[in-house]
All heavy atoms as atom14 arrays in JSON, in Angstrom:
{
  "sequence": "GEGEEAKVPWHQIHFEAQAAGDDTYIDPATGYQVYTEGFHR",
  "atom14_mask": [
    [1, 1, 1, 1, 0, 0, 0, 0, 0, 0, 0, 0, 0, 0],
    [1, 1, 1, 1, 1, 1, 1, 1, 1, 0, 0, 0, 0, 0],
    [1, 1, 1, 1, 0, 0, 0, 0, 0, 0, 0, 0, 0, 0],
    [1, 1, 1, 1, 1, 1, 1, 1, 1, 0, 0, 0, 0, 0],
    [1, 1, 1, 1, 1, 1, 1, 1, 1, 0, 0, 0, 0, 0],
    [1, 1, 1, 1, 1, 0, 0, 0, 0, 0, 0, 0, 0, 0],
    [1, 1, 1, 1, 1, 1, 1, 1, 1, 0, 0, 0, 0, 0],
    [1, 1, 1, 1, 1, 1, 1, 0, 0, 0, 0, 0, 0, 0],
    [1, 1, 1, 1, 1, 1, 1, 0, 0, 0, 0, 0, 0, 0],
    [1, 1, 1, 1, 1, 1, 1, 1, 1, 1, 1, 1, 1, 1],
    [1, 1, 1, 1, 1, 1, 1, 1, 1, 1, 0, 0, 0, 0],
    [1, 1, 1, 1, 1, 1, 1, 1, 1, 0, 0, 0, 0, 0],
    [1, 1, 1, 1, 1, 1, 1, 1, 0, 0, 0, 0, 0, 0],
    [1, 1, 1, 1, 1, 1, 1, 1, 1, 1, 0, 0, 0, 0],
    [1, 1, 1, 1, 1, 1, 1, 1, 1, 1, 1, 0, 0, 0],
    [1, 1, 1, 1, 1, 1, 1, 1, 1, 0, 0, 0, 0, 0],
    [1, 1, 1, 1, 1, 0, 0, 0, 0, 0, 0, 0, 0, 0],
    [1, 1, 1, 1, 1, 1, 1, 1, 1, 0, 0, 0, 0, 0],
    [1, 1, 1, 1, 1, 0, 0, 0, 0, 0, 0, 0, 0, 0],
    [1, 1, 1, 1, 1, 0, 0, 0, 0, 0, 0, 0, 0, 0],
    [1, 1, 1, 1, 0, 0, 0, 0, 0, 0, 0, 0, 0, 0],
    [1, 1, 1, 1, 1, 1, 1, 1, 0, 0, 0, 0, 0, 0],
    [1, 1, 1, 1, 1, 1, 1, 1, 0, 0, 0, 0, 0, 0],
    [1, 1, 1, 1, 1, 1, 1, 0, 0, 0, 0, 0, 0, 0],
    [1, 1, 1, 1, 1, 1, 1, 1, 1, 1, 1, 1, 0, 0],
    [1, 1, 1, 1, 1, 1, 1, 1, 0, 0, 0, 0, 0, 0],
    [1, 1, 1, 1, 1, 1, 1, 1, 0, 0, 0, 0, 0, 0],
    [1, 1, 1, 1, 1, 1, 1, 0, 0, 0, 0, 0, 0, 0],
    [1, 1, 1, 1, 1, 0, 0, 0, 0, 0, 0, 0, 0, 0],
    [1, 1, 1, 1, 1, 1, 1, 0, 0, 0, 0, 0, 0, 0],
    [1, 1, 1, 1, 0, 0, 0, 0, 0, 0, 0, 0, 0, 0],
    [1, 1, 1, 1, 1, 1, 1, 1, 1, 1, 1, 1, 0, 0],
    [1, 1, 1, 1, 1, 1, 1, 1, 1, 0, 0, 0, 0, 0],
    [1, 1, 1, 1, 1, 1, 1, 0, 0, 0, 0, 0, 0, 0],
    [1, 1, 1, 1, 1, 1, 1, 1, 1, 1, 1, 1, 0, 0],
    [1, 1, 1, 1, 1, 1, 1, 0, 0, 0, 0, 0, 0, 0],
    [1, 1, 1, 1, 1, 1, 1, 1, 1, 0, 0, 0, 0, 0],
    [1, 1, 1, 1, 0, 0, 0, 0, 0, 0, 0, 0, 0, 0],
    [1, 1, 1, 1, 1, 1, 1, 1, 1, 1, 1, 0, 0, 0],
    [1, 1, 1, 1, 1, 1, 1, 1, 1, 1, 0, 0, 0, 0],
    [1, 1, 1, 1, 1, 1, 1, 1, 1, 1, 1, 0, 0, 0]
  ],
  "atom14_positions": [
    [[6.9, 13.91, 3.89], [6.56, 13.55, 5.26], [5.69, 14.62, 5.9], [5.18, 15.38, 5.09], [0.0, 0.0, 0.0], [0.0, 0.0, 0.0], [0.0, 0.0, 0.0], [0.0, 0.0, 0.0], [0.0, 0.0, 0.0], [0.0, 0.0, 0.0], [0.0, 0.0, 0.0], [0.0, 0.0, 0.0], [0.0, 0.0, 0.0], [0.0, 0.0, 0.0]],
    [[5.56, 14.64, 7.18], [4.79, 15.65, 7.77], [5.5, 16.99, 7.82], [6.71, 16.93, 8.01], [4.35, 15.21, 9.14], [3.48, 13.98, 9.2], [3.2, 13.54, 10.52], [3.37, 14.32, 11.53], [2.7, 12.46, 10.73], [0.0, 0.0, 0.0], [0.0, 0.0, 0.0], [0.0, 0.0, 0.0], [0.0, 0.0, 0.0], [0.0, 0.0, 0.0]],
    [[4.8, 18.08, 7.84], [5.48, 19.43, 7.86], [6.21, 19.63, 6.54], [5.68, 19.5, 5.48], [0.0, 0.0, 0.0], [0.0, 0.0, 0.0], [0.0, 0.0, 0.0], [0.0, 0.0, 0.0], [0.0, 0.0, 0.0], [0.0, 0.0, 0.0], [0.0, 0.0, 0.0], [0.0, 0.0, 0.0], [0.0, 0.0, 0.0], [0.0, 0.0, 0.0]],
    [[7.5, 19.89, 6.57], [8.25, 20.06, 5.39], [8.6, 18.68, 4.82], [8.53, 17.66, 5.48], [9.55, 20.85, 5.68], [10.53, 20.14, 6.6], [11.76, 21.03, 6.8], [11.57, 22.16, 7.17], [12.87, 20.46, 6.69], [0.0, 0.0, 0.0], [0.0, 0.0, 0.0], [0.0, 0.0, 0.0], [0.0, 0.0, 0.0], [0.0, 0.0, 0.0]],
    [[8.75, 18.62, 3.51], [9.05, 17.36, 2.84], [10.29, 16.67, 3.41], [11.35, 17.18, 3.5], [9.25, 17.56, 1.36], [7.98, 17.92, 0.67], [8.12, 17.87, -0.85], [9.19, 17.39, -1.34], [7.18, 18.22, -1.55], [0.0, 0.0, 0.0], [0.0, 0.0, 0.0], [0.0, 0.0, 0.0], [0.0, 0.0, 0.0], [0.0, 0.0, 0.0]],
    [[10.1, 15.36, 3.74], [11.23, 14.5, 4.18], [11.73, 13.81, 2.97], [10.97, 13.38, 2.06], [10.63, 13.49, 5.18], [0.0, 0.0, 0.0], [0.0, 0.0, 0.0], [0.0, 0.0, 0.0], [0.0, 0.0, 0.0], [0.0, 0.0, 0.0], [0.0, 0.0, 0.0], [0.0, 0.0, 0.0], [0.0, 0.0, 0.0], [0.0, 0.0, 0.0]],
    [[13.08, 13.78, 2.88], [13.69, 13.14, 1.73], [14.27, 11.74, 2.23], [15.27, 11.71, 2.92], [14.89, 14.03, 1.21], [14.45, 15.39, 0.8], [13.45, 15.32, -0.37], [13.07, 16.74, -0.76], [11.99, 16.78, -1.74], [0.0, 0.0, 0.0], [0.0, 0.0, 0.0], [0.0, 0.0, 0.0], [0.0, 0.0, 0.0], [0.0, 0.0, 0.0]],
    [[13.5, 10.72, 1.88], [13.91, 9.41, 2.31], [14.27, 8.56, 1.08], [13.49, 8.22, 0.27], [12.72, 8.75, 3.06], [13.22, 7.3, 3.57], [12.29, 9.52, 4.22], [0.0, 0.0, 0.0], [0.0, 0.0, 0.0], [0.0, 0.0, 0.0], [0.0, 0.0, 0.0], [0.0, 0.0, 0.0], [0.0, 0.0, 0.0], [0.0, 0.0, 0.0]],
    [[15.59, 8.26, 0.96], [16.07, 7.5, -0.22], [15.64, 6.04, 0.0], [15.42, 5.5, 1.01], [17.56, 7.61, -0.16], [17.95, 7.9, 1.23], [16.71, 8.61, 1.79], [0.0, 0.0, 0.0], [0.0, 0.0, 0.0], [0.0, 0.0, 0.0], [0.0, 0.0, 0.0], [0.0, 0.0, 0.0], [0.0, 0.0, 0.0], [0.0, 0.0, 0.0]],
    [[15.43, 5.35, -1.15], [15.03, 3.96, -1.09], [15.98, 3.06, -0.37], [15.63, 2.06, 0.24], [14.72, 3.37, -2.51], [15.86, 3.35, -3.5], [16.18, 4.17, -4.47], [16.91, 2.28, -3.49], [17.23, 3.77, -5.22], [17.77, 2.67, -4.62], [17.16, 1.1, -2.8], [18.8, 1.83, -4.93], [18.24, 0.38, -3.14], [19.06, 0.7, -4.2]],
    [[17.29, 3.48, -0.32], [18.23, 2.71, 0.49], [17.88, 2.56, 1.93], [17.94, 1.52, 2.52], [19.63, 3.38, 0.37], [20.15, 3.5, -0.98], [19.91, 4.58, -1.76], [20.99, 2.61, -1.74], [20.51, 4.37, -2.98], [21.16, 3.21, -2.95], [0.0, 0.0, 0.0], [0.0, 0.0, 0.0], [0.0, 0.0, 0.0], [0.0, 0.0, 0.0]],
    [[17.43, 3.68, 2.45], [16.96, 3.73, 3.88], [15.68, 2.98, 4.1], [15.6, 2.27, 5.09], [16.73, 5.17, 4.36], [16.32, 5.32, 5.8], [17.39, 4.83, 6.81], [18.57, 4.93, 6.51], [16.91, 4.36, 7.92], [0.0, 0.0, 0.0], [0.0, 0.0, 0.0], [0.0, 0.0, 0.0], [0.0, 0.0, 0.0], [0.0, 0.0, 0.0]],
    [[14.79, 3.02, 3.16], [13.5, 2.34, 3.28], [13.79, 0.8, 3.24], [13.22, -0.02, 3.94], [12.52, 2.77, 2.13], [12.22, 4.21, 2.36], [11.26, 1.92, 2.19], [11.44, 4.86, 1.26], [0.0, 0.0, 0.0], [0.0, 0.0, 0.0], [0.0, 0.0, 0.0], [0.0, 0.0, 0.0], [0.0, 0.0, 0.0], [0.0, 0.0, 0.0]],
    [[14.68, 0.4, 2.31], [15.09, -1.04, 2.17], [15.74, -1.49, 3.57], [15.39, -2.52, 4.05], [16.1, -1.24, 1.08], [16.64, -2.61, 0.97], [17.9, -2.88, 1.28], [16.02, -3.77, 0.58], [18.12, -4.19, 1.11], [16.96, -4.75, 0.69], [0.0, 0.0, 0.0], [0.0, 0.0, 0.0], [0.0, 0.0, 0.0], [0.0, 0.0, 0.0]],
    [[16.62, -0.67, 4.1], [17.24, -1.04, 5.38], [16.22, -1.27, 6.48], [16.25, -2.22, 7.24], [18.3, 0.02, 5.79], [18.9, -0.16, 7.12], [20.0, -1.05, 7.22], [18.39, 0.51, 8.24], [20.55, -1.22, 8.52], [18.92, 0.26, 9.49], [19.99, -0.6, 9.63], [0.0, 0.0, 0.0], [0.0, 0.0, 0.0], [0.0, 0.0, 0.0]],
    [[15.25, -0.35, 6.56], [14.2, -0.43, 7.55], [13.36, -1.6, 7.34], [12.89, -2.34, 8.31], [13.4, 0.87, 7.55], [14.15, 2.05, 8.09], [13.49, 3.35, 7.85], [12.36, 3.43, 7.29], [14.02, 4.43, 8.28], [0.0, 0.0, 0.0], [0.0, 0.0, 0.0], [0.0, 0.0, 0.0], [0.0, 0.0, 0.0], [0.0, 0.0, 0.0]],
    [[12.93, -1.95, 6.12], [12.14, -3.12, 5.77], [12.93, -4.39, 6.18], [12.35, -5.37, 6.79], [11.84, -3.16, 4.31], [0.0, 0.0, 0.0], [0.0, 0.0, 0.0], [0.0, 0.0, 0.0], [0.0, 0.0, 0.0], [0.0, 0.0, 0.0], [0.0, 0.0, 0.0], [0.0, 0.0, 0.0], [0.0, 0.0, 0.0], [0.0, 0.0, 0.0]],
    [[14.2, -4.46, 5.86], [15.01, -5.64, 6.25], [15.01, -5.8, 7.74], [14.9, -6.88, 8.27], [16.5, -5.46, 5.76], [16.56, -5.61, 4.26], [17.25, -6.88, 3.82], [16.55, -7.75, 3.26], [18.54, -6.99, 4.01], [0.0, 0.0, 0.0], [0.0, 0.0, 0.0], [0.0, 0.0, 0.0], [0.0, 0.0, 0.0], [0.0, 0.0, 0.0]],
    [[15.27, -4.7, 8.53], [15.39, -4.75, 9.89], [13.98, -5.18, 10.59], [14.03, -5.8, 11.6], [15.74, -3.33, 10.48], [0.0, 0.0, 0.0], [0.0, 0.0, 0.0], [0.0, 0.0, 0.0], [0.0, 0.0, 0.0], [0.0, 0.0, 0.0], [0.0, 0.0, 0.0], [0.0, 0.0, 0.0], [0.0, 0.0, 0.0], [0.0, 0.0, 0.0]],
    [[12.88, -4.88, 9.93], [11.57, -5.24, 10.47], [11.17, -6.73, 10.01], [10.19, -7.23, 10.35], [10.56, -4.23, 9.89], [0.0, 0.0, 0.0], [0.0, 0.0, 0.0], [0.0, 0.0, 0.0], [0.0, 0.0, 0.0], [0.0, 0.0, 0.0], [0.0, 0.0, 0.0], [0.0, 0.0, 0.0], [0.0, 0.0, 0.0], [0.0, 0.0, 0.0]],
    [[12.06, -7.23, 9.16], [11.79, -8.64, 8.67], [10.8, -8.69, 7.58], [10.21, -9.73, 7.25], [0.0, 0.0, 0.0], [0.0, 0.0, 0.0], [0.0, 0.0, 0.0], [0.0, 0.0, 0.0], [0.0, 0.0, 0.0], [0.0, 0.0, 0.0], [0.0, 0.0, 0.0], [0.0, 0.0, 0.0], [0.0, 0.0, 0.0], [0.0, 0.0, 0.0]],
    [[10.52, -7.53, 6.92], [9.61, -7.47, 5.77], [10.22, -8.0, 4.5], [11.4, -7.82, 4.3], [9.2, -6.03, 5.53], [8.41, -5.45, 6.68], [7.8, -6.21, 7.55], [8.33, -4.23, 6.81], [0.0, 0.0, 0.0], [0.0, 0.0, 0.0], [0.0, 0.0, 0.0], [0.0, 0.0, 0.0], [0.0, 0.0, 0.0], [0.0, 0.0, 0.0]],
    [[9.44, -8.63, 3.64], [9.95, -9.2, 2.4], [9.91, -8.14, 1.33], [10.66, -8.29, 0.34], [9.07, -10.33, 1.9], [9.34, -11.63, 2.73], [10.31, -11.74, 3.34], [8.4, -12.44, 2.75], [0.0, 0.0, 0.0], [0.0, 0.0, 0.0], [0.0, 0.0, 0.0], [0.0, 0.0, 0.0], [0.0, 0.0, 0.0], [0.0, 0.0, 0.0]],
    [[9.15, -7.09, 1.5], [9.03, -6.07, 0.41], [8.98, -4.68, 1.09], [8.68, -4.49, 2.25], [7.71, -6.3, -0.45], [6.6, -6.08, 0.47], [7.71, -7.63, -1.07], [0.0, 0.0, 0.0], [0.0, 0.0, 0.0], [0.0, 0.0, 0.0], [0.0, 0.0, 0.0], [0.0, 0.0, 0.0], [0.0, 0.0, 0.0], [0.0, 0.0, 0.0]],
    [[9.09, -3.67, 0.21], [8.81, -2.25, 0.58], [8.3, -1.56, -0.67], [8.42, -2.05, -1.8], [10.02, -1.52, 1.13], [11.18, -1.36, 0.11], [11.3, -0.25, -0.69], [12.17, -2.38, -0.02], [12.32, -0.1, -1.56], [13.17, -2.26, -0.96], [13.24, -1.1, -1.72], [14.31, -0.95, -2.57], [0.0, 0.0, 0.0], [0.0, 0.0, 0.0]],
    [[7.74, -0.39, -0.53], [7.21, 0.34, -1.71], [8.26, 1.41, -2.07], [8.69, 2.19, -1.22], [5.86, 1.08, -1.31], [4.86, 0.03, -0.93], [5.39, 1.87, -2.5], [4.48, -0.93, -1.89], [0.0, 0.0, 0.0], [0.0, 0.0, 0.0], [0.0, 0.0, 0.0], [0.0, 0.0, 0.0], [0.0, 0.0, 0.0], [0.0, 0.0, 0.0]],
    [[8.66, 1.4, -3.31], [9.61, 2.41, -3.84], [8.99, 3.72, -3.86], [7.94, 3.91, -4.47], [10.02, 1.98, -5.23], [11.11, 2.97, -5.79], [10.64, 4.06, -6.3], [12.28, 2.71, -5.71], [0.0, 0.0, 0.0], [0.0, 0.0, 0.0], [0.0, 0.0, 0.0], [0.0, 0.0, 0.0], [0.0, 0.0, 0.0], [0.0, 0.0, 0.0]],
    [[9.5, 4.75, -3.16], [8.84, 5.96, -3.08], [8.73, 6.79, -4.44], [7.82, 7.58, -4.59], [9.62, 6.79, -2.08], [10.98, 6.17, -2.09], [10.74, 4.73, -2.43], [0.0, 0.0, 0.0], [0.0, 0.0, 0.0], [0.0, 0.0, 0.0], [0.0, 0.0, 0.0], [0.0, 0.0, 0.0], [0.0, 0.0, 0.0], [0.0, 0.0, 0.0]],
    [[9.59, 6.53, -5.32], [9.57, 7.21, -6.64], [8.57, 6.64, -7.67], [8.04, 7.36, -8.41], [11.0, 7.2, -7.27], [0.0, 0.0, 0.0], [0.0, 0.0, 0.0], [0.0, 0.0, 0.0], [0.0, 0.0, 0.0], [0.0, 0.0, 0.0], [0.0, 0.0, 0.0], [0.0, 0.0, 0.0], [0.0, 0.0, 0.0], [0.0, 0.0, 0.0]],
    [[8.41, 5.28, -7.53], [7.54, 4.66, -8.54], [6.27, 4.1, -8.04], [5.29, 3.84, -8.7], [8.34, 3.48, -9.19], [8.61, 2.51, -8.15], [9.6, 3.92, -9.84], [0.0, 0.0, 0.0], [0.0, 0.0, 0.0], [0.0, 0.0, 0.0], [0.0, 0.0, 0.0], [0.0, 0.0, 0.0], [0.0, 0.0, 0.0], [0.0, 0.0, 0.0]],
    [[6.25, 3.87, -6.69], [5.06, 3.21, -6.11], [5.09, 1.69, -6.31], [4.17, 0.96, -5.83], [0.0, 0.0, 0.0], [0.0, 0.0, 0.0], [0.0, 0.0, 0.0], [0.0, 0.0, 0.0], [0.0, 0.0, 0.0], [0.0, 0.0, 0.0], [0.0, 0.0, 0.0], [0.0, 0.0, 0.0], [0.0, 0.0, 0.0], [0.0, 0.0, 0.0]],
    [[6.08, 1.11, -6.83], [6.26, -0.33, -7.09], [6.65, -0.99, -5.76], [7.4, -0.45, -5.05], [7.28, -0.66, -8.17], [6.97, -0.24, -9.56], [7.98, 0.07, -10.47], [5.65, -0.06, -9.96], [7.68, 0.4, -11.72], [5.39, 0.36, -11.28], [6.34, 0.56, -12.16], [6.15, 0.96, -13.49], [0.0, 0.0, 0.0], [0.0, 0.0, 0.0]],
    [[6.13, -2.23, -5.64], [6.61, -3.1, -4.55], [7.96, -3.72, -4.98], [8.07, -4.26, -6.04], [5.49, -4.19, -4.34], [5.79, -5.0, -3.15], [4.58, -5.89, -2.79], [3.52, -5.72, -3.37], [4.81, -6.87, -1.97], [0.0, 0.0, 0.0], [0.0, 0.0, 0.0], [0.0, 0.0, 0.0], [0.0, 0.0, 0.0], [0.0, 0.0, 0.0]],
    [[8.85, -3.64, -4.01], [10.23, -4.17, -4.35], [10.66, -5.25, -3.32], [10.41, -4.99, -2.1], [11.28, -3.01, -4.24], [12.73, -3.45, -4.47], [10.9, -1.84, -5.22], [0.0, 0.0, 0.0], [0.0, 0.0, 0.0], [0.0, 0.0, 0.0], [0.0, 0.0, 0.0], [0.0, 0.0, 0.0], [0.0, 0.0, 0.0], [0.0, 0.0, 0.0]],
    [[11.06, -6.39, -3.75], [11.57, -7.39, -2.81], [12.9, -6.99, -2.2], [13.77, -6.48, -2.81], [11.75, -8.73, -3.54], [10.46, -9.41, -3.96], [10.06, -9.57, -5.22], [9.59, -9.93, -3.01], [8.93, -10.08, -5.6], [8.46, -10.52, -3.34], [8.07, -10.6, -4.64], [6.95, -11.23, -5.02], [0.0, 0.0, 0.0], [0.0, 0.0, 0.0]],
    [[13.0, -7.32, -0.9], [14.29, -7.07, -0.2], [15.34, -8.1, -0.45], [15.0, -9.25, -1.01], [14.03, -7.0, 1.35], [13.66, -8.32, 1.81], [13.04, -5.98, 1.82], [0.0, 0.0, 0.0], [0.0, 0.0, 0.0], [0.0, 0.0, 0.0], [0.0, 0.0, 0.0], [0.0, 0.0, 0.0], [0.0, 0.0, 0.0], [0.0, 0.0, 0.0]],
    [[16.55, -7.8, -0.11], [17.69, -8.76, -0.34], [17.39, -10.03, 0.46], [17.61, -11.15, 0.0], [18.94, -8.05, 0.13], [20.15, -9.07, -0.21], [21.45, -8.46, 0.23], [21.62, -7.27, 0.38], [22.45, -9.28, 0.33], [0.0, 0.0, 0.0], [0.0, 0.0, 0.0], [0.0, 0.0, 0.0], [0.0, 0.0, 0.0], [0.0, 0.0, 0.0]],
    [[16.88, -9.85, 1.7], [16.57, -10.97, 2.6], [15.57, -11.92, 1.85], [15.78, -13.16, 2.01], [0.0, 0.0, 0.0], [0.0, 0.0, 0.0], [0.0, 0.0, 0.0], [0.0, 0.0, 0.0], [0.0, 0.0, 0.0], [0.0, 0.0, 0.0], [0.0, 0.0, 0.0], [0.0, 0.0, 0.0], [0.0, 0.0, 0.0], [0.0, 0.0, 0.0]],
    [[14.58, -11.4, 1.19], [13.58, -12.19, 0.56], [14.36, -13.06, -0.45], [14.2, -14.31, -0.7], [12.56, -11.36, -0.08], [11.67, -12.21, -1.02], [10.63, -12.93, -0.55], [11.92, -12.29, -2.4], [9.82, -13.75, -1.38], [11.17, -12.97, -3.28], [10.11, -13.7, -2.78], [0.0, 0.0, 0.0], [0.0, 0.0, 0.0], [0.0, 0.0, 0.0]],
    [[15.21, -12.38, -1.34], [15.92, -13.11, -2.38], [16.86, -14.22, -1.82], [16.93, -15.29, -2.41], [16.73, -12.09, -3.29], [15.91, -11.17, -4.09], [15.13, -11.6, -5.06], [15.76, -9.87, -4.03], [14.51, -10.56, -5.65], [14.83, -9.51, -5.01], [0.0, 0.0, 0.0], [0.0, 0.0, 0.0], [0.0, 0.0, 0.0], [0.0, 0.0, 0.0]],
    [[17.49, -13.9, -0.67], [18.38, -14.91, -0.1], [17.58, -16.13, 0.33], [18.05, -17.27, 0.15], [19.18, -14.36, 0.97], [20.26, -13.26, 0.56], [21.28, -12.95, 1.67], [22.19, -12.06, 1.24], [23.25, -12.33, 0.44], [23.47, -13.48, 0.01], [24.06, -11.31, 0.07], [0.0, 0.0, 0.0], [0.0, 0.0, 0.0], [0.0, 0.0, 0.0]]
  ]
}
């Protein structure tokens, strides 16, 4: 993140993507696009 490194687990990124209604998010460790649970449902 900005300043010191922010540690954001993929669980949090998934939660935020779901809340925003997004079908996917980018996994921070791999850079891969990941489908959310909402998309699968």
